[in-house]
Structures are given as C-alpha cells and as structure tokens.
N, C-alpha and C. Protein backbone atom coordinates (compact mmCIF):
# COMPACT_ATOMS: atom_id res chain seq x y z
N MET A 1 10.79 17.40 -12.63
CA MET A 1 10.05 17.03 -11.44
C MET A 1 10.10 15.52 -11.20
N PHE A 2 10.02 14.73 -12.28
CA PHE A 2 10.01 13.28 -12.12
C PHE A 2 11.32 12.76 -11.55
N ILE A 3 12.42 13.41 -11.92
CA ILE A 3 13.74 12.97 -11.46
C ILE A 3 13.80 12.99 -9.94
N ASP A 4 13.11 13.94 -9.31
CA ASP A 4 13.09 14.00 -7.84
C ASP A 4 12.60 12.69 -7.25
N PHE A 5 11.69 12.03 -7.93
CA PHE A 5 11.05 10.83 -7.40
C PHE A 5 11.52 9.55 -8.08
N TYR A 6 12.08 9.67 -9.26
CA TYR A 6 12.39 8.51 -10.08
C TYR A 6 13.25 7.47 -9.35
N LYS A 7 14.37 7.89 -8.80
CA LYS A 7 15.28 6.93 -8.15
C LYS A 7 14.62 6.25 -6.96
N GLU A 8 13.89 7.01 -6.18
CA GLU A 8 13.20 6.45 -5.01
C GLU A 8 12.12 5.46 -5.45
N PHE A 9 11.35 5.80 -6.46
CA PHE A 9 10.31 4.91 -6.97
C PHE A 9 10.93 3.62 -7.51
N VAL A 10 12.01 3.75 -8.27
CA VAL A 10 12.67 2.58 -8.85
C VAL A 10 13.17 1.66 -7.74
N THR A 11 13.84 2.23 -6.75
CA THR A 11 14.39 1.42 -5.65
C THR A 11 13.28 0.72 -4.88
N VAL A 12 12.26 1.45 -4.48
CA VAL A 12 11.17 0.86 -3.70
C VAL A 12 10.40 -0.16 -4.54
N GLY A 13 10.09 0.16 -5.78
CA GLY A 13 9.37 -0.79 -6.64
C GLY A 13 10.12 -2.09 -6.80
N HIS A 14 11.43 -2.00 -7.01
CA HIS A 14 12.27 -3.18 -7.18
C HIS A 14 12.31 -4.01 -5.90
N GLU A 15 12.47 -3.35 -4.75
CA GLU A 15 12.51 -4.06 -3.47
C GLU A 15 11.18 -4.75 -3.17
N LEU A 16 10.06 -4.09 -3.45
CA LEU A 16 8.75 -4.71 -3.24
C LEU A 16 8.60 -5.97 -4.09
N PHE A 17 9.07 -5.90 -5.34
CA PHE A 17 9.00 -7.04 -6.24
C PHE A 17 9.90 -8.18 -5.74
N LEU A 18 11.14 -7.85 -5.39
CA LEU A 18 12.07 -8.89 -4.93
C LEU A 18 11.60 -9.56 -3.65
N ALA A 19 10.91 -8.80 -2.79
CA ALA A 19 10.41 -9.35 -1.53
C ALA A 19 9.12 -10.14 -1.71
N GLY A 20 8.60 -10.19 -2.94
CA GLY A 20 7.36 -10.93 -3.20
C GLY A 20 6.11 -10.22 -2.71
N LEU A 21 6.21 -8.91 -2.52
CA LEU A 21 5.06 -8.14 -2.05
C LEU A 21 4.18 -7.68 -3.19
N ASN A 22 4.67 -7.77 -4.40
CA ASN A 22 3.90 -7.49 -5.62
C ASN A 22 4.31 -8.49 -6.67
N ASN A 23 3.38 -8.81 -7.56
CA ASN A 23 3.74 -9.65 -8.69
C ASN A 23 4.28 -8.76 -9.81
N PHE A 24 4.42 -9.29 -10.98
CA PHE A 24 5.09 -8.58 -12.07
C PHE A 24 4.46 -7.24 -12.42
N HIS A 25 3.13 -7.15 -12.40
CA HIS A 25 2.45 -5.91 -12.80
C HIS A 25 1.53 -5.33 -11.74
N SER A 26 1.71 -5.69 -10.48
CA SER A 26 0.76 -5.22 -9.47
C SER A 26 1.33 -4.12 -8.59
N GLY A 27 0.44 -3.46 -7.89
CA GLY A 27 0.83 -2.41 -6.95
C GLY A 27 1.07 -1.07 -7.62
N ASN A 28 1.20 -0.05 -6.79
CA ASN A 28 1.47 1.29 -7.29
C ASN A 28 2.10 2.13 -6.20
N ILE A 29 2.75 3.19 -6.62
CA ILE A 29 3.49 4.08 -5.72
C ILE A 29 3.15 5.51 -6.11
N SER A 30 3.01 6.38 -5.11
CA SER A 30 2.82 7.80 -5.42
C SER A 30 3.44 8.68 -4.35
N SER A 31 3.71 9.92 -4.73
CA SER A 31 4.17 10.95 -3.80
C SER A 31 3.42 12.23 -4.11
N ARG A 32 3.23 13.00 -3.06
CA ARG A 32 2.59 14.30 -3.22
C ARG A 32 3.66 15.36 -3.38
N LYS A 33 3.48 16.23 -4.36
CA LYS A 33 4.35 17.39 -4.54
C LYS A 33 3.43 18.59 -4.65
N GLU A 34 3.29 19.29 -3.55
CA GLU A 34 2.36 20.43 -3.45
C GLU A 34 0.96 19.96 -3.81
N ASP A 35 0.35 20.52 -4.85
CA ASP A 35 -1.00 20.11 -5.25
C ASP A 35 -0.97 19.13 -6.43
N ASN A 36 0.15 18.43 -6.57
CA ASN A 36 0.28 17.43 -7.64
C ASN A 36 0.56 16.07 -7.04
N ILE A 37 0.23 15.06 -7.81
CA ILE A 37 0.52 13.68 -7.43
C ILE A 37 1.44 13.09 -8.49
N VAL A 38 2.54 12.54 -8.05
CA VAL A 38 3.47 11.83 -8.93
C VAL A 38 3.18 10.36 -8.65
N ILE A 39 2.77 9.63 -9.69
CA ILE A 39 2.28 8.26 -9.50
C ILE A 39 2.74 7.36 -10.64
N THR A 40 2.83 6.07 -10.33
CA THR A 40 3.18 5.12 -11.37
C THR A 40 2.02 4.96 -12.34
N SER A 41 2.35 4.64 -13.56
CA SER A 41 1.33 4.50 -14.61
C SER A 41 0.64 3.15 -14.52
N THR A 42 -0.51 3.07 -15.14
CA THR A 42 -1.26 1.82 -15.15
C THR A 42 -0.45 0.75 -15.88
N GLY A 43 -0.45 -0.45 -15.31
CA GLY A 43 0.25 -1.57 -15.94
C GLY A 43 1.76 -1.54 -15.83
N SER A 44 2.31 -0.58 -15.13
CA SER A 44 3.78 -0.52 -15.04
C SER A 44 4.30 -1.67 -14.19
N LYS A 45 5.50 -2.08 -14.48
CA LYS A 45 6.15 -3.15 -13.73
C LYS A 45 6.92 -2.50 -12.59
N LEU A 46 6.37 -2.53 -11.37
CA LEU A 46 7.01 -1.83 -10.25
C LEU A 46 8.44 -2.29 -10.02
N GLY A 47 8.72 -3.54 -10.28
CA GLY A 47 10.08 -4.05 -10.08
C GLY A 47 11.07 -3.57 -11.10
N PHE A 48 10.59 -2.99 -12.19
CA PHE A 48 11.47 -2.59 -13.29
C PHE A 48 10.99 -1.28 -13.90
N LEU A 49 10.74 -0.29 -13.07
CA LEU A 49 10.21 0.99 -13.54
C LEU A 49 11.17 1.70 -14.47
N LYS A 50 10.57 2.39 -15.43
CA LYS A 50 11.32 3.28 -16.34
C LYS A 50 10.76 4.67 -16.13
N GLU A 51 11.48 5.65 -16.57
CA GLU A 51 11.08 7.04 -16.38
C GLU A 51 9.67 7.32 -16.92
N GLU A 52 9.34 6.70 -18.06
CA GLU A 52 8.02 6.94 -18.66
C GLU A 52 6.88 6.31 -17.86
N ASN A 53 7.20 5.48 -16.85
CA ASN A 53 6.18 4.88 -15.99
C ASN A 53 5.76 5.78 -14.84
N ILE A 54 6.37 6.95 -14.74
CA ILE A 54 6.05 7.87 -13.65
C ILE A 54 5.45 9.13 -14.25
N ILE A 55 4.23 9.46 -13.80
CA ILE A 55 3.53 10.61 -14.37
C ILE A 55 3.09 11.56 -13.26
N CYS A 56 2.77 12.77 -13.64
CA CYS A 56 2.36 13.79 -12.69
C CYS A 56 1.02 14.36 -13.11
N LEU A 57 0.11 14.45 -12.14
CA LEU A 57 -1.22 15.00 -12.38
C LEU A 57 -1.63 15.86 -11.19
N PRO A 58 -2.56 16.78 -11.39
CA PRO A 58 -3.06 17.55 -10.25
C PRO A 58 -3.88 16.66 -9.30
N ILE A 59 -3.73 16.90 -8.01
CA ILE A 59 -4.53 16.14 -7.03
C ILE A 59 -6.00 16.52 -7.15
N PHE A 60 -6.25 17.82 -7.25
CA PHE A 60 -7.63 18.33 -7.27
C PHE A 60 -8.13 18.45 -8.70
N SER A 61 -8.29 17.29 -9.34
CA SER A 61 -8.70 17.22 -10.73
C SER A 61 -9.31 15.85 -10.99
N ASP A 62 -10.00 15.70 -12.10
CA ASP A 62 -10.50 14.39 -12.51
C ASP A 62 -9.63 13.80 -13.62
N GLU A 63 -8.64 14.55 -14.05
CA GLU A 63 -7.73 14.09 -15.10
C GLU A 63 -7.02 12.83 -14.63
N SER A 64 -6.95 11.82 -15.50
CA SER A 64 -6.30 10.57 -15.10
C SER A 64 -5.16 10.14 -16.02
N GLY A 65 -5.21 10.51 -17.27
CA GLY A 65 -4.13 10.15 -18.19
C GLY A 65 -3.82 8.66 -18.14
N ARG A 66 -2.54 8.35 -18.04
CA ARG A 66 -2.08 6.95 -17.98
C ARG A 66 -1.84 6.49 -16.55
N ALA A 67 -2.36 7.20 -15.58
CA ALA A 67 -2.10 6.87 -14.18
C ALA A 67 -2.67 5.52 -13.79
N SER A 68 -2.12 4.97 -12.73
CA SER A 68 -2.63 3.74 -12.15
C SER A 68 -4.14 3.82 -11.96
N CYS A 69 -4.80 2.70 -12.12
CA CYS A 69 -6.26 2.67 -11.92
C CYS A 69 -6.63 2.99 -10.47
N GLU A 70 -5.66 2.94 -9.57
CA GLU A 70 -5.90 3.28 -8.16
C GLU A 70 -5.74 4.77 -7.90
N LEU A 71 -5.58 5.57 -8.94
CA LEU A 71 -5.43 7.02 -8.78
C LEU A 71 -6.52 7.64 -7.91
N PRO A 72 -7.80 7.30 -8.10
CA PRO A 72 -8.83 7.91 -7.23
C PRO A 72 -8.62 7.63 -5.74
N VAL A 73 -8.11 6.45 -5.41
CA VAL A 73 -7.84 6.11 -4.01
C VAL A 73 -6.69 6.96 -3.50
N HIS A 74 -5.62 7.07 -4.27
CA HIS A 74 -4.47 7.90 -3.89
C HIS A 74 -4.91 9.35 -3.69
N ARG A 75 -5.69 9.87 -4.65
CA ARG A 75 -6.17 11.25 -4.54
C ARG A 75 -6.99 11.46 -3.27
N ALA A 76 -7.88 10.53 -2.98
CA ALA A 76 -8.74 10.65 -1.80
C ALA A 76 -7.90 10.66 -0.52
N ILE A 77 -6.87 9.83 -0.48
CA ILE A 77 -6.00 9.79 0.70
C ILE A 77 -5.26 11.11 0.86
N TYR A 78 -4.71 11.65 -0.23
CA TYR A 78 -3.98 12.92 -0.14
C TYR A 78 -4.89 14.08 0.26
N LYS A 79 -6.12 14.05 -0.23
CA LYS A 79 -7.06 15.13 0.11
C LYS A 79 -7.45 15.11 1.58
N ALA A 80 -7.49 13.94 2.20
CA ALA A 80 -8.02 13.82 3.56
C ALA A 80 -6.98 13.61 4.66
N THR A 81 -5.72 13.38 4.28
CA THR A 81 -4.69 13.10 5.28
C THR A 81 -3.46 13.98 5.02
N ASN A 82 -2.50 13.85 5.91
CA ASN A 82 -1.22 14.56 5.74
C ASN A 82 -0.18 13.70 5.02
N ALA A 83 -0.61 12.60 4.43
CA ALA A 83 0.33 11.70 3.75
C ALA A 83 1.10 12.43 2.68
N LYS A 84 2.38 12.11 2.58
CA LYS A 84 3.22 12.66 1.52
C LYS A 84 3.57 11.60 0.49
N ALA A 85 3.29 10.32 0.85
CA ALA A 85 3.58 9.22 -0.06
C ALA A 85 2.66 8.05 0.25
N ILE A 86 2.39 7.25 -0.77
CA ILE A 86 1.54 6.06 -0.63
C ILE A 86 2.20 4.90 -1.38
N VAL A 87 2.20 3.75 -0.73
CA VAL A 87 2.63 2.52 -1.40
C VAL A 87 1.47 1.53 -1.27
N HIS A 88 1.09 0.97 -2.40
CA HIS A 88 0.03 -0.06 -2.43
C HIS A 88 0.66 -1.35 -2.94
N ALA A 89 0.53 -2.41 -2.14
CA ALA A 89 1.12 -3.70 -2.51
C ALA A 89 0.12 -4.82 -2.29
N HIS A 90 0.25 -5.85 -3.09
CA HIS A 90 -0.63 -7.02 -3.01
C HIS A 90 0.03 -8.12 -2.19
N ALA A 91 0.50 -7.78 -1.02
CA ALA A 91 1.24 -8.67 -0.14
C ALA A 91 0.42 -9.93 0.20
N PRO A 92 0.90 -11.12 -0.18
CA PRO A 92 0.07 -12.32 -0.12
C PRO A 92 -0.40 -12.76 1.27
N TYR A 93 0.43 -12.70 2.28
CA TYR A 93 -0.03 -13.14 3.61
C TYR A 93 -1.05 -12.16 4.19
N SER A 94 -0.85 -10.88 3.97
CA SER A 94 -1.81 -9.88 4.42
C SER A 94 -3.16 -10.06 3.72
N VAL A 95 -3.10 -10.31 2.42
CA VAL A 95 -4.33 -10.54 1.66
C VAL A 95 -5.02 -11.81 2.17
N ALA A 96 -4.25 -12.87 2.39
CA ALA A 96 -4.85 -14.13 2.88
C ALA A 96 -5.55 -13.91 4.22
N LEU A 97 -4.88 -13.23 5.16
CA LEU A 97 -5.49 -13.00 6.47
C LEU A 97 -6.72 -12.10 6.39
N SER A 98 -6.74 -11.22 5.38
CA SER A 98 -7.87 -10.30 5.25
C SER A 98 -9.20 -11.00 5.01
N TYR A 99 -9.15 -12.24 4.53
CA TYR A 99 -10.38 -13.01 4.31
C TYR A 99 -10.98 -13.52 5.62
N PHE A 100 -10.17 -13.55 6.67
CA PHE A 100 -10.61 -14.15 7.94
C PHE A 100 -10.64 -13.18 9.11
N LEU A 101 -9.97 -12.04 8.99
CA LEU A 101 -9.84 -11.12 10.11
C LEU A 101 -10.32 -9.72 9.74
N GLN A 102 -10.87 -9.02 10.69
CA GLN A 102 -11.25 -7.61 10.49
C GLN A 102 -10.13 -6.68 10.93
N ASN A 103 -9.18 -7.23 11.68
CA ASN A 103 -8.02 -6.48 12.14
C ASN A 103 -6.88 -7.48 12.27
N VAL A 104 -5.79 -7.22 11.56
CA VAL A 104 -4.63 -8.11 11.63
C VAL A 104 -3.76 -7.61 12.78
N LYS A 105 -3.75 -8.38 13.88
CA LYS A 105 -3.00 -8.00 15.08
C LYS A 105 -1.68 -8.76 15.10
N PRO A 106 -0.58 -8.02 14.99
CA PRO A 106 0.74 -8.67 15.04
C PRO A 106 0.97 -9.37 16.37
N ILE A 107 1.75 -10.45 16.34
CA ILE A 107 2.14 -11.16 17.56
C ILE A 107 3.66 -11.12 17.74
N ASP A 108 4.36 -10.58 16.75
CA ASP A 108 5.81 -10.45 16.84
C ASP A 108 6.17 -9.09 17.44
N GLY A 109 7.36 -9.00 18.00
CA GLY A 109 7.80 -7.78 18.68
C GLY A 109 7.76 -6.54 17.81
N GLU A 110 8.34 -6.61 16.62
CA GLU A 110 8.37 -5.43 15.74
C GLU A 110 6.96 -5.02 15.34
N GLY A 111 6.16 -5.99 14.96
CA GLY A 111 4.79 -5.70 14.54
C GLY A 111 3.98 -5.06 15.64
N MET A 112 4.12 -5.58 16.87
CA MET A 112 3.37 -5.01 17.99
C MET A 112 3.88 -3.61 18.33
N PHE A 113 5.17 -3.37 18.11
CA PHE A 113 5.74 -2.05 18.36
C PHE A 113 5.17 -1.02 17.37
N TYR A 114 5.18 -1.37 16.08
CA TYR A 114 4.71 -0.45 15.04
C TYR A 114 3.20 -0.37 14.93
N PHE A 115 2.52 -1.48 15.21
CA PHE A 115 1.06 -1.56 15.03
C PHE A 115 0.40 -2.14 16.28
N PRO A 116 0.50 -1.44 17.42
CA PRO A 116 -0.04 -1.98 18.67
C PRO A 116 -1.55 -2.24 18.64
N ASP A 117 -2.27 -1.51 17.80
CA ASP A 117 -3.72 -1.72 17.66
C ASP A 117 -4.06 -2.60 16.47
N GLY A 118 -3.05 -3.16 15.82
CA GLY A 118 -3.27 -3.97 14.64
C GLY A 118 -3.48 -3.11 13.40
N VAL A 119 -3.81 -3.76 12.32
CA VAL A 119 -4.07 -3.08 11.05
C VAL A 119 -5.49 -3.44 10.62
N GLU A 120 -6.33 -2.43 10.49
CA GLU A 120 -7.72 -2.67 10.12
C GLU A 120 -7.85 -3.20 8.70
N VAL A 121 -8.88 -4.00 8.51
CA VAL A 121 -9.21 -4.55 7.18
C VAL A 121 -10.48 -3.87 6.70
N LEU A 122 -10.41 -3.30 5.52
CA LEU A 122 -11.57 -2.67 4.88
C LEU A 122 -12.24 -3.69 3.97
N THR A 123 -13.51 -3.95 4.23
CA THR A 123 -14.29 -4.88 3.41
C THR A 123 -15.23 -4.07 2.52
N VAL A 124 -15.13 -4.28 1.22
CA VAL A 124 -15.96 -3.58 0.25
C VAL A 124 -16.44 -4.59 -0.81
N LYS A 125 -17.44 -4.19 -1.59
CA LYS A 125 -17.94 -5.07 -2.65
C LYS A 125 -16.92 -5.22 -3.77
N ASN A 126 -16.38 -4.10 -4.23
CA ASN A 126 -15.38 -4.11 -5.29
C ASN A 126 -14.10 -3.52 -4.71
N SER A 127 -13.07 -4.32 -4.63
CA SER A 127 -11.85 -3.87 -3.95
C SER A 127 -10.82 -3.20 -4.86
N VAL A 128 -10.95 -3.37 -6.16
CA VAL A 128 -9.94 -2.85 -7.08
C VAL A 128 -10.42 -1.55 -7.74
N ALA A 129 -9.65 -0.50 -7.56
CA ALA A 129 -9.92 0.80 -8.19
C ALA A 129 -11.36 1.25 -7.99
N SER A 130 -11.86 1.07 -6.78
CA SER A 130 -13.28 1.35 -6.57
C SER A 130 -13.52 2.68 -5.87
N GLU A 131 -14.66 3.26 -6.20
CA GLU A 131 -15.09 4.49 -5.53
C GLU A 131 -15.34 4.23 -4.06
N GLU A 132 -15.80 3.03 -3.74
CA GLU A 132 -16.07 2.68 -2.34
C GLU A 132 -14.79 2.70 -1.51
N VAL A 133 -13.70 2.16 -2.05
CA VAL A 133 -12.41 2.21 -1.35
C VAL A 133 -11.97 3.66 -1.20
N ALA A 134 -12.06 4.43 -2.28
CA ALA A 134 -11.66 5.84 -2.25
C ALA A 134 -12.47 6.62 -1.22
N GLU A 135 -13.72 6.25 -1.04
CA GLU A 135 -14.58 6.94 -0.09
C GLU A 135 -14.27 6.56 1.36
N LYS A 136 -13.99 5.29 1.62
CA LYS A 136 -13.85 4.79 2.99
C LYS A 136 -12.44 4.80 3.55
N ILE A 137 -11.43 4.61 2.72
CA ILE A 137 -10.08 4.41 3.24
C ILE A 137 -9.47 5.66 3.90
N PRO A 138 -9.74 6.88 3.41
CA PRO A 138 -9.11 8.03 4.07
C PRO A 138 -9.44 8.15 5.55
N ASP A 139 -10.69 7.95 5.94
CA ASP A 139 -11.06 8.02 7.36
C ASP A 139 -10.36 6.94 8.17
N MET A 140 -10.17 5.78 7.58
CA MET A 140 -9.51 4.68 8.28
C MET A 140 -8.02 4.96 8.49
N LEU A 141 -7.45 5.84 7.68
CA LEU A 141 -6.02 6.13 7.77
C LEU A 141 -5.68 7.28 8.71
N VAL A 142 -6.69 7.99 9.19
CA VAL A 142 -6.41 9.10 10.10
C VAL A 142 -5.74 8.54 11.36
N GLY A 143 -4.53 9.00 11.63
CA GLY A 143 -3.78 8.53 12.79
C GLY A 143 -3.21 7.13 12.63
N LYS A 144 -3.29 6.55 11.46
CA LYS A 144 -2.79 5.19 11.19
C LYS A 144 -1.74 5.24 10.09
N LYS A 145 -1.02 4.13 9.96
CA LYS A 145 0.02 4.03 8.94
C LYS A 145 -0.44 3.25 7.71
N ALA A 146 -1.47 2.40 7.90
CA ALA A 146 -1.87 1.53 6.79
C ALA A 146 -3.23 0.91 7.03
N VAL A 147 -3.81 0.43 5.93
CA VAL A 147 -5.07 -0.32 5.94
C VAL A 147 -4.90 -1.46 4.94
N ILE A 148 -5.49 -2.59 5.26
CA ILE A 148 -5.52 -3.72 4.32
C ILE A 148 -6.91 -3.76 3.70
N VAL A 149 -7.00 -3.75 2.38
CA VAL A 149 -8.27 -3.90 1.70
C VAL A 149 -8.48 -5.39 1.45
N LYS A 150 -9.58 -5.91 1.98
CA LYS A 150 -9.86 -7.35 1.91
C LYS A 150 -9.74 -7.88 0.48
N GLY A 151 -8.93 -8.93 0.36
CA GLY A 151 -8.77 -9.59 -0.92
C GLY A 151 -7.96 -8.82 -1.94
N HIS A 152 -7.39 -7.69 -1.54
CA HIS A 152 -6.70 -6.84 -2.52
C HIS A 152 -5.28 -6.47 -2.09
N GLY A 153 -5.11 -5.87 -0.92
CA GLY A 153 -3.76 -5.52 -0.51
C GLY A 153 -3.69 -4.36 0.45
N ILE A 154 -2.47 -3.96 0.73
CA ILE A 154 -2.16 -2.92 1.71
C ILE A 154 -2.03 -1.57 1.03
N PHE A 155 -2.59 -0.54 1.65
CA PHE A 155 -2.32 0.85 1.30
C PHE A 155 -1.63 1.44 2.52
N ALA A 156 -0.37 1.84 2.36
CA ALA A 156 0.40 2.42 3.47
C ALA A 156 0.82 3.83 3.10
N ILE A 157 0.88 4.70 4.11
CA ILE A 157 1.26 6.09 3.89
C ILE A 157 2.52 6.41 4.68
N GLY A 158 3.19 7.50 4.27
CA GLY A 158 4.38 7.91 4.98
C GLY A 158 4.86 9.27 4.54
N GLU A 159 5.97 9.68 5.12
CA GLU A 159 6.61 10.94 4.76
C GLU A 159 7.25 10.85 3.38
N ASP A 160 7.61 9.63 2.99
CA ASP A 160 8.15 9.36 1.65
C ASP A 160 7.84 7.91 1.32
N VAL A 161 8.15 7.50 0.09
CA VAL A 161 7.78 6.14 -0.32
C VAL A 161 8.59 5.08 0.42
N VAL A 162 9.80 5.44 0.87
CA VAL A 162 10.60 4.49 1.64
C VAL A 162 9.90 4.18 2.97
N GLU A 163 9.39 5.20 3.64
CA GLU A 163 8.68 4.96 4.90
C GLU A 163 7.40 4.17 4.65
N ALA A 164 6.64 4.53 3.64
CA ALA A 164 5.41 3.80 3.33
C ALA A 164 5.71 2.33 3.01
N ALA A 165 6.78 2.08 2.28
CA ALA A 165 7.18 0.70 1.96
C ALA A 165 7.61 -0.04 3.23
N LYS A 166 8.21 0.67 4.16
CA LYS A 166 8.59 0.06 5.44
C LYS A 166 7.36 -0.50 6.15
N TRP A 167 6.27 0.27 6.15
CA TRP A 167 5.04 -0.20 6.80
C TRP A 167 4.47 -1.41 6.07
N VAL A 168 4.50 -1.39 4.74
CA VAL A 168 4.02 -2.54 3.96
C VAL A 168 4.83 -3.78 4.33
N SER A 169 6.15 -3.64 4.35
CA SER A 169 7.02 -4.77 4.65
C SER A 169 6.80 -5.29 6.07
N SER A 170 6.66 -4.40 7.02
CA SER A 170 6.44 -4.80 8.41
C SER A 170 5.11 -5.52 8.58
N ILE A 171 4.07 -4.98 7.96
CA ILE A 171 2.74 -5.62 8.05
C ILE A 171 2.78 -7.01 7.42
N GLU A 172 3.42 -7.13 6.28
CA GLU A 172 3.48 -8.43 5.61
C GLU A 172 4.28 -9.42 6.44
N ASN A 173 5.38 -8.98 7.03
CA ASN A 173 6.17 -9.87 7.87
C ASN A 173 5.35 -10.34 9.07
N SER A 174 4.64 -9.43 9.71
CA SER A 174 3.79 -9.79 10.85
C SER A 174 2.67 -10.72 10.42
N SER A 175 2.09 -10.46 9.25
CA SER A 175 1.02 -11.32 8.74
C SER A 175 1.53 -12.74 8.49
N LYS A 176 2.73 -12.83 7.96
CA LYS A 176 3.33 -14.14 7.71
C LYS A 176 3.53 -14.89 9.03
N ILE A 177 4.00 -14.19 10.05
CA ILE A 177 4.21 -14.82 11.36
C ILE A 177 2.88 -15.29 11.95
N VAL A 178 1.84 -14.44 11.87
CA VAL A 178 0.52 -14.84 12.36
C VAL A 178 0.05 -16.09 11.62
N TYR A 179 0.19 -16.10 10.32
CA TYR A 179 -0.21 -17.24 9.51
C TYR A 179 0.54 -18.51 9.92
N LEU A 180 1.86 -18.41 10.03
CA LEU A 180 2.69 -19.58 10.36
C LEU A 180 2.38 -20.09 11.76
N VAL A 181 2.27 -19.21 12.72
CA VAL A 181 1.98 -19.63 14.10
C VAL A 181 0.62 -20.33 14.16
N ASN A 182 -0.37 -19.79 13.45
CA ASN A 182 -1.69 -20.42 13.46
C ASN A 182 -1.69 -21.78 12.76
N ASN A 183 -0.77 -21.99 11.84
CA ASN A 183 -0.69 -23.28 11.14
C ASN A 183 0.17 -24.29 11.89
N TYR A 184 0.98 -23.85 12.85
CA TYR A 184 1.91 -24.74 13.54
C TYR A 184 1.72 -24.72 15.05
N LYS A 185 0.51 -24.44 15.51
CA LYS A 185 0.25 -24.36 16.95
C LYS A 185 0.55 -25.66 17.68
N GLY A 186 0.44 -26.79 17.01
CA GLY A 186 0.66 -28.08 17.67
C GLY A 186 2.12 -28.46 17.86
N ILE A 187 3.04 -27.74 17.23
CA ILE A 187 4.46 -28.06 17.32
C ILE A 187 4.95 -27.82 18.75
N GLY A 188 5.74 -28.73 19.27
CA GLY A 188 6.36 -28.57 20.58
C GLY A 188 5.49 -29.05 21.73
N LYS A 189 4.34 -29.59 21.44
CA LYS A 189 3.46 -30.08 22.52
C LYS A 189 3.56 -31.58 22.65
C-alpha cells in the first residue's frame, strides 16, 4: 500500500524542501485510501523521505503510532471534506503575512485566478498539533483549497498530493508578491 504513495510523497516532499516551503524537519503530507490515512511520520525529513517515514492508520480511530503530530488535523479534514490528499507546509511569506492579515488576497494574476476570494487565516491560541485547529479548519476548507494557520503554515487539500502542493506553492508565491509590493511601494514614483 505504501508503494502507491511513496514516489509521490518523496517527489512532493523534496520539491517543497527545495522551494524553501519547509525547513529540514517541518511539514507533513497525507493521502486518503478508503478509510485509511497514509501520512508522513513525526520528525521525518520531507525533503529526504524514506519508505519507513510513511505510515498507514485508520481515519476513524484514535491510534497514532509514529504519525505526524498533525495527524488529528489531517483526520478531521478527511472526516469533514472530500479531500483525498493534504499538504502542510511552513511557507515563510504566508506565515509572515498571517500575523497581519485575516485573509491573504493575491494581487498577481495566477493567485487571483486560483484564489479570487483570497486565503483565510485561522487564528488560534495553540497553532501546532492542536485540537482547536482540528476543530476549526475543516469548516474553513469547505469549498476552498487551503487555509493558513496564523504563525504556523498552510494546510492545502487536493485530489492528490501534487495538486495540494500546487496550492501551497501558488499561495506562497502570491504571499511573496504581496510582501514585496508592500515593501517597495515607493519605487518608480
């Protein structure tokens, strides 16, 4: 079962790392397979995944094993949405903007095309592996592609991890443009 996901997880994890969307040990990836969740293990290096870093657990269970500490958030999303895959990344520009904005509204063409209503920011007391995130994020994802958790990162969903990673990359690119434009508004005047 892991082989079905292994190559895709390795490719996406490596690309997220190379793009600077995750540091050496941050972020996590999962896919739904019927009533099971295939997810990266806690502390795994997404940029350099090995087969033993990918584990499978039932969605409708409290069993956690060596799964990412964000397992409860992934489970909550799968239970409440039609998501087939989730990518969570600590994208720096998106995280930076989350401290100042409740909705990150792209100003670039691609960002406005994919996220015409922007990307909502979820503000919680504890942003990492929290029950509060697991409770609130599924409703925010209904009809959406992603949510940014303030001070923590992006949770994006898709038909597969490649699509979910696409949303992470697009949001981060748009966030970087918003950041740069706001820092260079005086140029050309």
